[in-house]
C-alpha atoms as a PDB file:
ATOM      1  CA  MET A   1     212.344  36.914  34.341  1.00  0.00           C
ATOM      2  CA  PRO A   2     212.542  38.971  31.136  1.00  0.00           C
ATOM      3  CA  LYS A   3     212.922  42.707  31.225  1.00  0.00           C
ATOM      4  CA  THR A   4     209.852  44.644  32.290  1.00  0.00           C
ATOM      5  CA  LEU A   5     209.408  46.328  28.887  1.00  0.00           C
ATOM      6  CA  LEU A   6     209.338  44.071  25.843  1.00  0.00           C
ATOM      7  CA  ASP A   7     209.903  45.424  22.340  1.00  0.00           C
ATOM      8  CA  ASN A   8     209.586  48.949  23.720  1.00  0.00           C
ATOM      9  CA  ARG A   9     205.813  48.429  23.738  1.00  0.00           C
ATOM     10  CA  TYR A  10     204.610  45.840  26.269  1.00  0.00           C
ATOM     11  CA  ALA A  11     204.996  46.536  29.987  1.00  0.00           C
ATOM     12  CA  LEU A  12     205.082  43.143  31.669  1.00  0.00           C
ATOM     13  CA  GLY A  13     202.998  42.511  34.777  1.00  0.00           C
ATOM     14  CA  LYS A  14     202.362  39.394  36.839  1.00  0.00           C
ATOM     15  CA  LEU A  15     203.073  35.898  35.584  1.00  0.00           C
ATOM     16  CA  LEU A  16     199.798  34.223  34.587  1.00  0.00           C
ATOM     17  CA  GLY A  17     201.162  30.791  33.795  1.00  0.00           C
ATOM     18  CA  SER A  18     204.079  28.757  32.524  1.00  0.00           C
ATOM     19  CA  GLY A  19     204.330  25.710  30.281  1.00  0.00           C
ATOM     20  CA  GLY A  20     206.883  23.659  28.426  1.00  0.00           C
ATOM     21  CA  MET A  21     207.238  26.173  25.595  1.00  0.00           C
ATOM     22  CA  ALA A  22     206.417  29.576  26.999  1.00  0.00           C
ATOM     23  CA  LYS A  23     205.511  31.814  29.893  1.00  0.00           C
ATOM     24  CA  VAL A  24     202.411  33.994  29.845  1.00  0.00           C
ATOM     25  CA  TYR A  25     202.368  37.418  31.461  1.00  0.00           C
ATOM     26  CA  MET A  26     199.705  39.997  31.949  1.00  0.00           C
ATOM     27  CA  ALA A  27     200.980  43.068  30.114  1.00  0.00           C
ATOM     28  CA  LEU A  28     199.972  46.555  29.131  1.00  0.00           C
ATOM     29  CA  ASP A  29     200.141  47.431  25.457  1.00  0.00           C
ATOM     30  CA  ARG A  30     201.363  51.002  25.797  1.00  0.00           C
ATOM     31  CA  LEU A  31     200.722  51.745  22.130  1.00  0.00           C
ATOM     32  CA  LEU A  32     197.007  50.882  22.276  1.00  0.00           C
ATOM     33  CA  ASP A  33     196.573  51.342  26.032  1.00  0.00           C
ATOM     34  CA  ARG A  34     194.955  47.996  26.726  1.00  0.00           C
ATOM     35  CA  SER A  35     195.699  44.912  28.801  1.00  0.00           C
ATOM     36  CA  VAL A  36     196.885  41.825  26.923  1.00  0.00           C
ATOM     37  CA  ALA A  37     198.132  38.344  27.694  1.00  0.00           C
ATOM     38  CA  LEU A  38     201.699  38.149  26.428  1.00  0.00           C
ATOM     39  CA  LYS A  39     203.065  34.696  25.639  1.00  0.00           C
ATOM     40  CA  VAL A  40     206.868  34.779  25.666  1.00  0.00           C
ATOM     41  CA  LEU A  41     208.569  31.751  24.103  1.00  0.00           C
ATOM     42  CA  LYS A  42     211.459  30.153  25.918  1.00  0.00           C
ATOM     43  CA  GLU A  43     215.005  30.675  24.691  1.00  0.00           C
ATOM     44  CA  GLN A  44     215.582  27.128  23.412  1.00  0.00           C
ATOM     45  CA  TYR A  45     212.839  27.620  20.841  1.00  0.00           C
ATOM     46  CA  ALA A  46     214.183  30.949  19.657  1.00  0.00           C
ATOM     47  CA  GLU A  47     217.508  29.216  18.981  1.00  0.00           C
ATOM     48  CA  ASN A  48     215.919  26.471  16.865  1.00  0.00           C
ATOM     49  CA  GLU A  49     215.735  27.698  13.263  1.00  0.00           C
ATOM     50  CA  GLU A  50     213.271  25.029  12.195  1.00  0.00           C
ATOM     51  CA  PHE A  51     210.925  25.908  15.017  1.00  0.00           C
ATOM     52  CA  VAL A  52     211.163  29.636  14.321  1.00  0.00           C
ATOM     53  CA  LYS A  53     210.269  29.068  10.660  1.00  0.00           C
ATOM     54  CA  LEU A  54     207.255  26.945  11.565  1.00  0.00           C
ATOM     55  CA  PHE A  55     206.250  29.270  14.380  1.00  0.00           C
ATOM     56  CA  ARG A  56     206.054  32.199  11.989  1.00  0.00           C
ATOM     57  CA  ARG A  57     203.920  30.263   9.540  1.00  0.00           C
ATOM     58  CA  GLU A  58     201.598  28.859  12.178  1.00  0.00           C
ATOM     59  CA  ALA A  59     201.306  32.181  13.977  1.00  0.00           C
ATOM     60  CA  ARG A  60     200.007  33.723  10.760  1.00  0.00           C
ATOM     61  CA  SER A  61     197.465  30.920  10.386  1.00  0.00           C
ATOM     62  CA  ALA A  62     196.337  31.226  14.003  1.00  0.00           C
ATOM     63  CA  ALA A  63     196.059  34.997  13.751  1.00  0.00           C
ATOM     64  CA  GLY A  64     193.575  34.518  10.914  1.00  0.00           C
ATOM     65  CA  LEU A  65     191.167  32.428  13.010  1.00  0.00           C
ATOM     66  CA  ASN A  66     188.472  34.948  13.837  1.00  0.00           C
ATOM     67  CA  HIS A  67     185.863  33.146  15.910  1.00  0.00           C
ATOM     68  CA  SER A  68     183.918  34.042  19.032  1.00  0.00           C
ATOM     69  CA  HIS A  69     185.348  31.036  20.904  1.00  0.00           C
ATOM     70  CA  ILE A  70     188.979  31.440  19.832  1.00  0.00           C
ATOM     71  CA  VAL A  71     191.320  33.766  21.706  1.00  0.00           C
ATOM     72  CA  PRO A  72     192.307  36.442  19.177  1.00  0.00           C
ATOM     73  CA  ILE A  73     195.976  37.138  18.514  1.00  0.00           C
ATOM     74  CA  TYR A  74     196.550  40.874  18.305  1.00  0.00           C
ATOM     75  CA  PHE A  75     200.192  40.813  17.319  1.00  0.00           C
ATOM     76  CA  TRP A  76     203.181  38.517  17.161  1.00  0.00           C
ATOM     77  CA  GLY A  77     206.817  39.238  16.532  1.00  0.00           C
ATOM     78  CA  ARG A  78     210.392  39.241  17.735  1.00  0.00           C
ATOM     79  CA  SER A  79     211.940  41.840  20.008  1.00  0.00           C
ATOM     80  CA  GLU A  80     215.387  43.368  19.494  1.00  0.00           C
ATOM     81  CA  ASP A  81     216.965  40.887  21.915  1.00  0.00           C
ATOM     82  CA  GLY A  82     215.605  37.915  19.920  1.00  0.00           C
ATOM     83  CA  THR A  83     212.583  37.091  22.107  1.00  0.00           C
ATOM     84  CA  TYR A  84     209.580  35.703  20.228  1.00  0.00           C
ATOM     85  CA  TYR A  85     206.174  36.567  21.622  1.00  0.00           C
ATOM     86  CA  MET A  86     202.446  36.728  20.970  1.00  0.00           C
ATOM     87  CA  ALA A  87     200.075  39.393  22.258  1.00  0.00           C
ATOM     88  CA  MET A  88     196.614  37.934  22.842  1.00  0.00           C
ATOM     89  CA  GLU A  89     193.306  38.908  24.399  1.00  0.00           C
ATOM     90  CA  TYR A  90     193.450  38.978  28.185  1.00  0.00           C
ATOM     91  CA  THR A  91     190.669  37.118  29.997  1.00  0.00           C
ATOM     92  CA  PRO A  92     190.628  37.931  33.711  1.00  0.00           C
ATOM     93  CA  SER A  93     188.613  34.851  34.682  1.00  0.00           C
ATOM     94  CA  GLY A  94     191.585  32.561  34.041  1.00  0.00           C
ATOM     95  CA  THR A  95     191.685  29.085  32.534  1.00  0.00           C
ATOM     96  CA  LEU A  96     189.289  26.186  32.737  1.00  0.00           C
ATOM     97  CA  LYS A  97     192.024  24.278  34.579  1.00  0.00           C
ATOM     98  CA  ASP A  98     192.159  26.992  37.238  1.00  0.00           C
ATOM     99  CA  HIS A  99     188.395  26.803  37.649  1.00  0.00           C
ATOM    100  CA  ILE A 100     188.389  23.003  38.047  1.00  0.00           C
ATOM    101  CA  HIS A 101     191.238  23.189  40.549  1.00  0.00           C
ATOM    102  CA  SER A 102     189.358  25.696  42.678  1.00  0.00           C
ATOM    103  CA  GLU A 103     185.759  24.510  42.255  1.00  0.00           C
ATOM    104  CA  GLY A 104     186.022  20.815  41.350  1.00  0.00           C
ATOM    105  CA  SER A 105     183.757  19.183  38.791  1.00  0.00           C
ATOM    106  CA  LEU A 106     181.281  21.284  36.817  1.00  0.00           C
ATOM    107  CA  ASP A 107     177.563  20.602  36.643  1.00  0.00           C
ATOM    108  CA  PRO A 108     176.696  18.602  33.498  1.00  0.00           C
ATOM    109  CA  SER A 109     174.850  21.456  31.790  1.00  0.00           C
ATOM    110  CA  THR A 110     177.839  23.797  32.118  1.00  0.00           C
ATOM    111  CA  ALA A 111     180.254  21.078  30.995  1.00  0.00           C
ATOM    112  CA  ALA A 112     178.118  20.365  27.915  1.00  0.00           C
ATOM    113  CA  LYS A 113     177.898  24.069  27.070  1.00  0.00           C
ATOM    114  CA  LEU A 114     181.655  24.650  27.329  1.00  0.00           C
ATOM    115  CA  CYS A 115     182.424  21.459  25.401  1.00  0.00           C
ATOM    116  CA  SER A 116     180.100  22.565  22.604  1.00  0.00           C
ATOM    117  CA  GLN A 117     181.745  25.991  22.440  1.00  0.00           C
ATOM    118  CA  VAL A 118     185.232  24.466  22.233  1.00  0.00           C
ATOM    119  CA  ALA A 119     184.003  22.039  19.553  1.00  0.00           C
ATOM    120  CA  GLU A 120     182.666  24.958  17.525  1.00  0.00           C
ATOM    121  CA  ALA A 121     186.064  26.647  17.734  1.00  0.00           C
ATOM    122  CA  LEU A 122     187.900  23.477  16.733  1.00  0.00           C
ATOM    123  CA  GLY A 123     185.516  22.848  13.858  1.00  0.00           C
ATOM    124  CA  PHE A 124     186.079  26.375  12.570  1.00  0.00           C
ATOM    125  CA  ALA A 125     189.849  25.816  12.654  1.00  0.00           C
ATOM    126  CA  HIS A 126     189.653  22.329  11.131  1.00  0.00           C
ATOM    127  CA  GLU A 127     187.678  23.635   8.170  1.00  0.00           C
ATOM    128  CA  ARG A 128     190.603  25.984   7.518  1.00  0.00           C
ATOM    129  CA  GLY A 129     193.223  23.274   7.756  1.00  0.00           C
ATOM    130  CA  VAL A 130     194.433  24.111  11.278  1.00  0.00           C
ATOM    131  CA  ILE A 131     194.775  21.278  13.822  1.00  0.00           C
ATOM    132  CA  HIS A 132     195.373  22.430  17.382  1.00  0.00           C
ATOM    133  CA  ARG A 133     197.343  19.380  18.663  1.00  0.00           C
ATOM    134  CA  ASP A 134     197.387  20.621  22.251  1.00  0.00           C
ATOM    135  CA  VAL A 135     193.778  20.866  23.437  1.00  0.00           C
ATOM    136  CA  LYS A 136     193.746  20.865  27.233  1.00  0.00           C
ATOM    137  CA  ALA A 137     192.038  22.651  30.093  1.00  0.00           C
ATOM    138  CA  GLN A 138     195.017  25.001  30.441  1.00  0.00           C
ATOM    139  CA  ASN A 139     194.461  26.223  26.874  1.00  0.00           C
ATOM    140  CA  ILE A 140     190.766  26.976  27.384  1.00  0.00           C
ATOM    141  CA  LEU A 141     190.155  30.425  28.830  1.00  0.00           C
ATOM    142  CA  LEU A 142     186.931  31.536  30.488  1.00  0.00           C
ATOM    143  CA  THR A 143     185.341  34.922  29.913  1.00  0.00           C
ATOM    144  CA  GLU A 144     183.563  36.918  32.587  1.00  0.00           C
ATOM    145  CA  ALA A 145     180.283  35.711  31.080  1.00  0.00           C
ATOM    146  CA  GLY A 146     181.369  32.096  31.595  1.00  0.00           C
ATOM    147  CA  ASP A 147     182.036  31.240  27.957  1.00  0.00           C
ATOM    148  CA  ALA A 148     185.019  29.299  26.631  1.00  0.00           C
ATOM    149  CA  LYS A 149     187.783  30.541  24.341  1.00  0.00           C
ATOM    150  CA  VAL A 150     190.518  28.307  22.935  1.00  0.00           C
ATOM    151  CA  ALA A 151     194.111  29.542  22.922  1.00  0.00           C
ATOM    152  CA  ASP A 152     197.463  28.431  21.479  1.00  0.00           C
ATOM    153  CA  PHE A 153     196.456  27.438  17.951  1.00  0.00           C
ATOM    154  CA  GLY A 154     199.515  26.782  15.821  1.00  0.00           C
ATOM    155  CA  ILE A 155     202.209  26.684  18.480  1.00  0.00           C
ATOM    156  CA  ALA A 156     201.907  22.957  19.144  1.00  0.00           C
ATOM    157  CA  ARG A 157     202.188  22.190  15.424  1.00  0.00           C
ATOM    158  CA  ALA A 158     205.483  24.016  15.226  1.00  0.00           C
ATOM    159  CA  ALA A 159     206.756  22.297  18.356  1.00  0.00           C
ATOM    160  CA  ALA A 160     205.700  18.839  17.198  1.00  0.00           C
ATOM    161  CA  ALA A 161     207.718  19.224  14.005  1.00  0.00           C
ATOM    162  CA  THR A 162     211.002  19.866  15.839  1.00  0.00           C
ATOM    163  CA  THR A 163     212.868  16.974  17.393  1.00  0.00           C
ATOM    164  CA  THR A 164     214.273  19.003  20.270  1.00  0.00           C
ATOM    165  CA  SER A 165     210.844  19.989  21.493  1.00  0.00           C
ATOM    166  CA  GLN A 166     208.949  16.706  21.243  1.00  0.00           C
ATOM    167  CA  SER A 167     209.812  15.627  24.762  1.00  0.00           C
ATOM    168  CA  HIS A 168     208.578  18.927  26.143  1.00  0.00           C
ATOM    169  CA  LEU A 169     205.332  18.534  24.247  1.00  0.00           C
ATOM    170  CA  ILE A 170     204.757  15.083  25.749  1.00  0.00           C
ATOM    171  CA  MET A 171     205.679  16.260  29.222  1.00  0.00           C
ATOM    172  CA  GLY A 172     203.328  19.203  28.977  1.00  0.00           C
ATOM    173  CA  THR A 173     200.266  17.407  27.580  1.00  0.00           C
ATOM    174  CA  ALA A 174     200.598  13.722  28.487  1.00  0.00           C
ATOM    175  CA  GLY A 175     197.229  13.765  30.256  1.00  0.00           C
ATOM    176  CA  TYR A 176     195.388  14.933  27.130  1.00  0.00           C
ATOM    177  CA  MET A 177     197.302  13.263  24.303  1.00  0.00           C
ATOM    178  CA  SER A 178     195.499  11.133  21.715  1.00  0.00           C
ATOM    179  CA  PRO A 179     196.778   7.560  21.198  1.00  0.00           C
ATOM    180  CA  GLU A 180     197.853   8.262  17.621  1.00  0.00           C
ATOM    181  CA  GLN A 181     199.775  11.352  18.658  1.00  0.00           C
ATOM    182  CA  ALA A 182     201.478   9.391  21.430  1.00  0.00           C
ATOM    183  CA  LYS A 183     202.562   6.775  18.878  1.00  0.00           C
ATOM    184  CA  GLY A 184     203.921   9.386  16.484  1.00  0.00           C
ATOM    185  CA  GLU A 185     201.238   8.722  13.881  1.00  0.00           C
ATOM    186  CA  PRO A 186     199.552  11.404  11.738  1.00  0.00           C
ATOM    187  CA  VAL A 187     196.997  13.497  13.572  1.00  0.00           C
ATOM    188  CA  GLY A 188     193.820  15.139  12.338  1.00  0.00           C
ATOM    189  CA  PRO A 189     190.516  16.547  13.599  1.00  0.00           C
ATOM    190  CA  PRO A 190     189.626  13.361  15.559  1.00  0.00           C
ATOM    191  CA  SER A 191     192.879  13.788  17.504  1.00  0.00           C
ATOM    192  CA  ASP A 192     191.762  17.200  18.746  1.00  0.00           C
ATOM    193  CA  LEU A 193     188.356  15.730  19.592  1.00  0.00           C
ATOM    194  CA  TYR A 194     189.975  12.982  21.678  1.00  0.00           C
ATOM    195  CA  SER A 195     191.767  15.643  23.700  1.00  0.00           C
ATOM    196  CA  LEU A 196     188.482  17.516  24.054  1.00  0.00           C
ATOM    197  CA  GLY A 197     186.986  14.275  25.358  1.00  0.00           C
ATOM    198  CA  ILE A 198     189.636  14.288  28.083  1.00  0.00           C
ATOM    199  CA  VAL A 199     188.668  17.878  28.912  1.00  0.00           C
ATOM    200  CA  LEU A 200     184.977  16.909  29.047  1.00  0.00           C
ATOM    201  CA  TYR A 201     185.803  13.980  31.335  1.00  0.00           C
ATOM    202  CA  GLU A 202     187.770  16.337  33.581  1.00  0.00           C
ATOM    203  CA  MET A 203     184.906  18.833  33.700  1.00  0.00           C
ATOM    204  CA  LEU A 204     182.433  16.103  34.670  1.00  0.00           C
ATOM    205  CA  THR A 205     184.571  14.368  37.294  1.00  0.00           C
ATOM    206  CA  GLY A 206     187.124  16.946  38.435  1.00  0.00           C
ATOM    207  CA  LYS A 207     190.029  14.690  37.439  1.00  0.00           C
ATOM    208  CA  LEU A 208     191.753  13.214  34.391  1.00  0.00           C
ATOM    209  CA  PRO A 209     190.848   9.658  33.284  1.00  0.00           C
ATOM    210  CA  TYR A 210     194.476   8.508  33.257  1.00  0.00           C
ATOM    211  CA  ARG A 211     196.896   9.079  36.096  1.00  0.00           C
ATOM    212  CA  ALA A 212     200.280   7.528  36.806  1.00  0.00           C
ATOM    213  CA  GLN A 213     203.600   8.248  38.512  1.00  0.00           C
ATOM    214  CA  ASN A 214     205.194   9.736  35.395  1.00  0.00           C
ATOM    215  CA  PRO A 215     204.072  11.221  32.043  1.00  0.00           C
ATOM    216  CA  LEU A 216     205.354   8.266  30.016  1.00  0.00           C
ATOM    217  CA  ALA A 217     203.170   5.859  31.983  1.00  0.00           C
ATOM    218  CA  VAL A 218     200.174   8.146  31.365  1.00  0.00           C
ATOM    219  CA  VAL A 219     200.884   8.138  27.618  1.00  0.00           C
ATOM    220  CA  VAL A 220     201.001   4.318  27.635  1.00  0.00           C
ATOM    221  CA  LYS A 221     197.585   4.248  29.288  1.00  0.00           C
ATOM    222  CA  HIS A 222     196.154   6.469  26.551  1.00  0.00           C
ATOM    223  CA  VAL A 223     197.297   3.898  24.014  1.00  0.00           C
ATOM    224  CA  ASN A 224     196.340   0.684  25.821  1.00  0.00           C
ATOM    225  CA  GLU A 225     193.895   1.198  28.673  1.00  0.00           C
ATOM    226  CA  PRO A 226     190.139   1.709  28.200  1.00  0.00           C
ATOM    227  CA  PRO A 227     188.887   4.825  29.987  1.00  0.00           C
ATOM    228  CA  ARG A 228     186.782   4.622  33.113  1.00  0.00           C
ATOM    229  CA  SER A 229     183.228   5.779  32.548  1.00  0.00           C
ATOM    230  CA  PRO A 230     182.729   9.334  33.849  1.00  0.00           C
ATOM    231  CA  ARG A 231     179.363   8.194  35.202  1.00  0.00           C
ATOM    232  CA  GLU A 232     181.165   5.567  37.250  1.00  0.00           C
ATOM    233  CA  ALA A 233     183.448   8.232  38.690  1.00  0.00           C
ATOM    234  CA  ASN A 234     180.551  10.659  39.197  1.00  0.00           C
ATOM    235  CA  PRO A 235     177.043   9.104  39.306  1.00  0.00           C
ATOM    236  CA  SER A 236     175.430  12.502  38.688  1.00  0.00           C
ATOM    237  CA  VAL A 237     176.686  12.460  35.081  1.00  0.00           C
ATOM    238  CA  PRO A 238     173.708  11.794  32.740  1.00  0.00           C
ATOM    239  CA  GLU A 239     173.874   8.627  30.659  1.00  0.00           C
ATOM    240  CA  ALA A 240     173.725  10.552  27.398  1.00  0.00           C
ATOM    241  CA  LEU A 241     176.682  12.772  28.307  1.00  0.00           C
ATOM    242  CA  ASP A 242     178.567   9.714  29.544  1.00  0.00           C
ATOM    243  CA  ALA A 243     178.067   8.091  26.124  1.00  0.00           C
ATOM    244  CA  VAL A 244     179.282  11.217  24.305  1.00  0.00           C
ATOM    245  CA  THR A 245     182.432  11.290  26.432  1.00  0.00           C
ATOM    246  CA  LEU A 246     183.259   7.635  25.827  1.00  0.00           C
ATOM    247  CA  ARG A 247     182.710   8.133  22.097  1.00  0.00           C
ATOM    248  CA  LEU A 248     185.288  10.923  22.114  1.00  0.00           C
ATOM    249  CA  LEU A 249     187.754   8.701  23.987  1.00  0.00           C
ATOM    250  CA  ALA A 250     187.662   5.805  21.522  1.00  0.00           C
ATOM    251  CA  LYS A 251     191.183   4.487  20.857  1.00  0.00           C
ATOM    252  CA  SER A 252     190.788   4.475  17.083  1.00  0.00           C
ATOM    253  CA  PRO A 253     190.154   7.826  15.344  1.00  0.00           C
ATOM    254  CA  LYS A 254     187.574   6.204  13.060  1.00  0.00           C
ATOM    255  CA  ASP A 255     185.446   5.270  16.078  1.00  0.00           C
ATOM    256  CA  ARG A 256     185.250   8.850  17.344  1.00  0.00           C
ATOM    257  CA  TYR A 257     183.212  11.696  15.921  1.00  0.00           C
ATOM    258  CA  ALA A 258     184.280  12.332  12.341  1.00  0.00           C
ATOM    259  CA  THR A 259     183.936  16.110  12.712  1.00  0.00           C
ATOM    260  CA  ALA A 260     183.524  18.654  15.464  1.00  0.00           C
ATOM    261  CA  GLN A 261     180.121  19.536  14.001  1.00  0.00           C
ATOM    262  CA  ASP A 262     178.948  15.964  14.646  1.00  0.00           C
ATOM    263  CA  LEU A 263     179.875  16.458  18.291  1.00  0.00           C
ATOM    264  CA  VAL A 264     178.063  19.803  18.463  1.00  0.00           C
ATOM    265  CA  GLN A 265     174.994  18.106  16.959  1.00  0.00           C
ATOM    266  CA  ASP A 266     174.988  15.408  19.633  1.00  0.00           C
ATOM    267  CA  LEU A 267     175.451  17.916  22.430  1.00  0.00           C
ATOM    268  CA  GLU A 268     172.423  19.803  21.124  1.00  0.00           C
ATOM    269  CA  TRP A 269     170.411  16.590  21.370  1.00  0.00           C
ATOM    270  CA  VAL A 270     171.659  15.999  24.889  1.00  0.00           C
ATOM    271  CA  ARG A 271     170.644  19.547  25.776  1.00  0.00           C
ATOM    272  CA  ASP A 272     167.110  18.775  24.627  1.00  0.00           C
ATOM    273  CA  GLY A 273     166.958  15.637  26.752  1.00  0.00           C
ATOM    274  CA  LEU A 274     167.333  13.235  23.817  1.00  0.00           C
ATOM    275  CA  PRO A 275     169.880  10.440  23.379  1.00  0.00           C
ATOM    276  CA  PRO A 276     172.939  11.331  21.275  1.00  0.00           C
ATOM    277  CA  ALA A 277     172.581  10.015  17.739  1.00  0.00           C
ATOM    278  CA  ALA A 278     176.235   9.040  17.286  1.00  0.00           C
ATOM    279  CA  ALA A 279     177.259   7.720  20.688  1.00  0.00           C
ATOM    280  CA  PRO A 280     177.697   3.963  21.222  1.00  0.00           C
ATOM    281  CA  SER A 281     175.691   2.177  23.876  1.00  0.00           C
ATOM    282  CA  GLN A 282     174.501  -1.303  24.765  1.00  0.00           C
ATOM    283  CA  LYS A 283     170.902  -0.149  24.739  1.00  0.00           C
ATOM    284  CA  ALA A 284     169.027   2.952  23.739  1.00  0.00           C
ATOM    285  CA  PRO A 285     168.201   5.012  26.834  1.00  0.00           C
ATOM    286  CA  GLU A 286     164.729   6.393  27.243  1.00  0.00           C
ATOM    287  CA  LYS A 287     164.109  10.069  26.662  1.00  0.00           C
ATOM    288  CA  MET A 288     165.110  11.981  29.770  1.00  0.00           C
ATOM    289  CA  SER A 289     162.211  13.472  31.695  1.00  0.00           C
ATOM    290  CA  THR A 290     163.811  16.943  31.650  1.00  0.00           C
ATOM    291  CA  PRO A 291     166.348  18.359  29.190  1.00  0.00           C
ATOM    292  CA  LEU A 292     169.950  18.717  30.346  1.00  0.00           C
ATOM    293  CA  LEU A 293     169.944  22.262  29.012  1.00  0.00           C
ATOM    294  CA  PRO A 294     166.338  23.454  28.648  1.00  0.00           C
ATOM    295  CA  ASN A 295     165.549  24.890  25.242  1.00  0.00           C
ATOM    296  CA  PRO A 296     162.199  26.611  24.613  1.00  0.00           C
ATOM    297  CA  GLU A 297     162.328  25.976  20.875  1.00  0.00           C
ATOM    298  CA  SER A 298     160.108  23.237  19.505  1.00  0.00           C
ATOM    299  CA  ARG A 299     162.054  20.438  17.850  1.00  0.00           C
ATOM    300  CA  THR A 300     159.330  17.992  16.815  1.00  0.00           C
ATOM    301  CA  LEU A 301     161.482  16.059  14.373  1.00  0.00           C
ATOM    302  CA  ARG A 302     163.844  14.969  17.133  1.00  0.00           C
ATOM    303  CA  THR A 303     161.233  12.900  18.954  1.00  0.00           C
ATOM    304  CA  ALA A 304     161.421  10.275  16.204  1.00  0.00           C
ATOM    305  CA  VAL A 305     165.112   9.474  16.572  1.00  0.00           C
ATOM    306  CA  GLN A 306     166.492   6.540  18.547  1.00  0.00           C
ATOM    307  CA  LEU A 307     170.066   5.896  19.650  1.00  0.00           C
ATOM    308  CA  SER A 308     172.196   4.109  17.063  1.00  0.00           C
ATOM    309  CA  ALA A 309     173.911   0.963  18.320  1.00  0.00           C
ATOM    310  CA  GLY A 310     176.352   0.927  15.396  1.00  0.00           C
ATOM    311  CA  PRO A 311     180.010   1.765  15.841  1.00  0.00           C
ATOM    312  CA  MET A 312     179.993   4.689  13.406  1.00  0.00           C
ATOM    313  CA  PRO A 313     178.069   8.006  13.557  1.00  0.00           C
ATOM    314  CA  VAL A 314     174.526   8.093  12.121  1.00  0.00           C
ATOM    315  CA  ARG A 315     173.398  11.364  10.575  1.00  0.00           C
ATOM    316  CA  VAL A 316     170.288  12.708  12.195  1.00  0.00           C
ATOM    317  CA  LEU A 317     168.467  13.839   9.080  1.00  0.00           C
ATOM    318  CA  GLU A 318     168.993  10.490   7.355  1.00  0.00           C
ATOM    319  CA  GLN A 319     167.511   8.729  10.352  1.00  0.00           C
ATOM    320  CA  VAL A 320     164.476  11.027  10.446  1.00  0.00           C
ATOM    321  CA  ARG A 321     163.890  10.721   6.700  1.00  0.00           C
ATOM    322  CA  ARG A 322     164.134   6.933   6.867  1.00  0.00           C
ATOM    323  CA  ARG A 323     161.549   6.810   9.636  1.00  0.00           C
ATOM    324  CA  ARG A 324     159.304   9.164   7.665  1.00  0.00           C
ATOM    325  CA  ARG A 325     159.465   6.836   4.654  1.00  0.00           C
ATOM    326  CA  VAL A 326     158.622   3.797   6.805  1.00  0.00           C
ATOM    327  CA  ARG A 327     155.698   5.611   8.402  1.00  0.00           C
ATOM    328  CA  LEU A 328     154.418   6.818   5.027  1.00  0.00           C
ATOM    329  CA  PHE A 329     154.627   3.277   3.594  1.00  0.00           C
ATOM    330  CA  SER A 330     152.761   1.869   6.600  1.00  0.00           C
ATOM    331  CA  LEU A 331     150.101   4.543   6.302  1.00  0.00           C
ATOM    332  CA  MET A 332     149.586   3.893   2.578  1.00  0.00           C
ATOM    333  CA  THR A 333     149.445   0.123   3.146  1.00  0.00           C
ATOM    334  CA  SER A 334     146.832   0.509   5.886  1.00  0.00           C
ATOM    335  CA  LEU A 335     144.797   2.840   3.698  1.00  0.00           C
ATOM    336  CA  LEU A 336     144.798   0.431   0.764  1.00  0.00           C
ATOM    337  CA  LEU A 337     143.849  -2.505   2.982  1.00  0.00           C
ATOM    338  CA  GLY A 338     141.026  -0.442   4.471  1.00  0.00           C
ATOM    339  CA  LEU A 339     139.709   0.457   1.043  1.00  0.00           C
ATOM    340  CA  ALA A 340     139.874  -3.174  -0.050  1.00  0.00           C
ATOM    341  CA  LEU A 341     137.967  -4.277   3.042  1.00  0.00           C
ATOM    342  CA  LEU A 342     135.300  -1.635   2.510  1.00  0.00           C
ATOM    343  CA  GLY A 343     134.978  -2.675  -1.127  1.00  0.00           C
ATOM    344  CA  SER A 344     134.524  -6.326  -0.144  1.00  0.00           C
ATOM    345  CA  LEU A 345     131.941  -5.378   2.459  1.00  0.00           C
ATOM    346  CA  ALA A 346     129.976  -3.268   0.000  1.00  0.00           C
ATOM    347  CA  TRP A 347     130.044  -6.052  -2.598  1.00  0.00           C
ATOM    348  CA  ALA A 348     128.881  -8.635  -0.074  1.00  0.00           C
ATOM    349  CA  LEU A 349     126.004  -6.486   1.199  1.00  0.00           C
ATOM    350  CA  SER A 350     124.882  -5.693  -2.320  1.00  0.00           C
ATOM    351  CA  ARG A 351     124.491  -9.398  -3.007  1.00  0.00           C
ATOM    352  CA  GLY A 352     122.838 -10.225   0.288  1.00  0.00           C
ATOM    353  CA  LEU A 353     125.650 -12.497   1.425  1.00  0.00           C
ATOM    354  CA  SER A 354     126.449 -13.125   5.067  1.00  0.00           C
ATOM    355  CA  LEU A 355     129.920 -12.358   6.339  1.00  0.00           C
ATOM    356  CA  PRO A 356     131.897 -14.931   8.370  1.00  0.00           C
END
């Protein structure tokens, strides 16, 4: 337990959580007189020069991510005794993991809403060159209004780049790790989306898709074993949301959503009771009788879109425009044929000929 006053500013309170890299305390910022969540890094990281260098750089990047669904970093630094820390927004409702532990699986509409909010946060970070690398239910905080906020941007990147911390990273996030990350391959936006797919699966079923006796065995399953359908684990999961989840959990990054915005787009379609445009399926499901998340806005263009059976995402607007062109061509063809028939009829009547 660190001293009760850190950096002569933060009065430490109860322990909120602990992970492989840090402990998080509720604290009072005596300078600004407000409650904060204080993440205190463990000593082995403070002693690793490479990690400290990367931590500083990534902390600056993370502190610049101003988004409604990203936990803001108020301040980061090093105390006189060499302790590195981050002061972040305190959310009294706890983490998504806490909520699942206490309440079990979430209803599909809530799961879709939270997944969309996390995807928006990830997309915002990805556009600015920041990959999270450690998306998990423990790093998603819930506000009193029930919205999601993503925490810990930047820390995992610094940890992944240091050899002494790689084992801790695997131990701490084995249940959410993308196959390419587990194999030590380069990671990118689809890697974060895979981890979000694990979170979505957990929200829908109350459990992780891969479980084993040790973290290494779980990591091997991420690489080699196809995921169980969330609908199979929980029959109340709608088919469309099941398809979105399985798309996120594709083994190859190229078979997942290319961007977080593509995922947000599909979740909007699911909310309106329409099949997701980019999710793979053996057959196109019929339009659901009621939307998953009712939306009063009229979206007439969406009624024309069918589910793509191809392995790669299909852009919605391209699909709508293509169908418009086909319909316009059919309409023009029918009109021309009708005019030709009328012309033939008029010519025949004018000459007193009988029609067959």
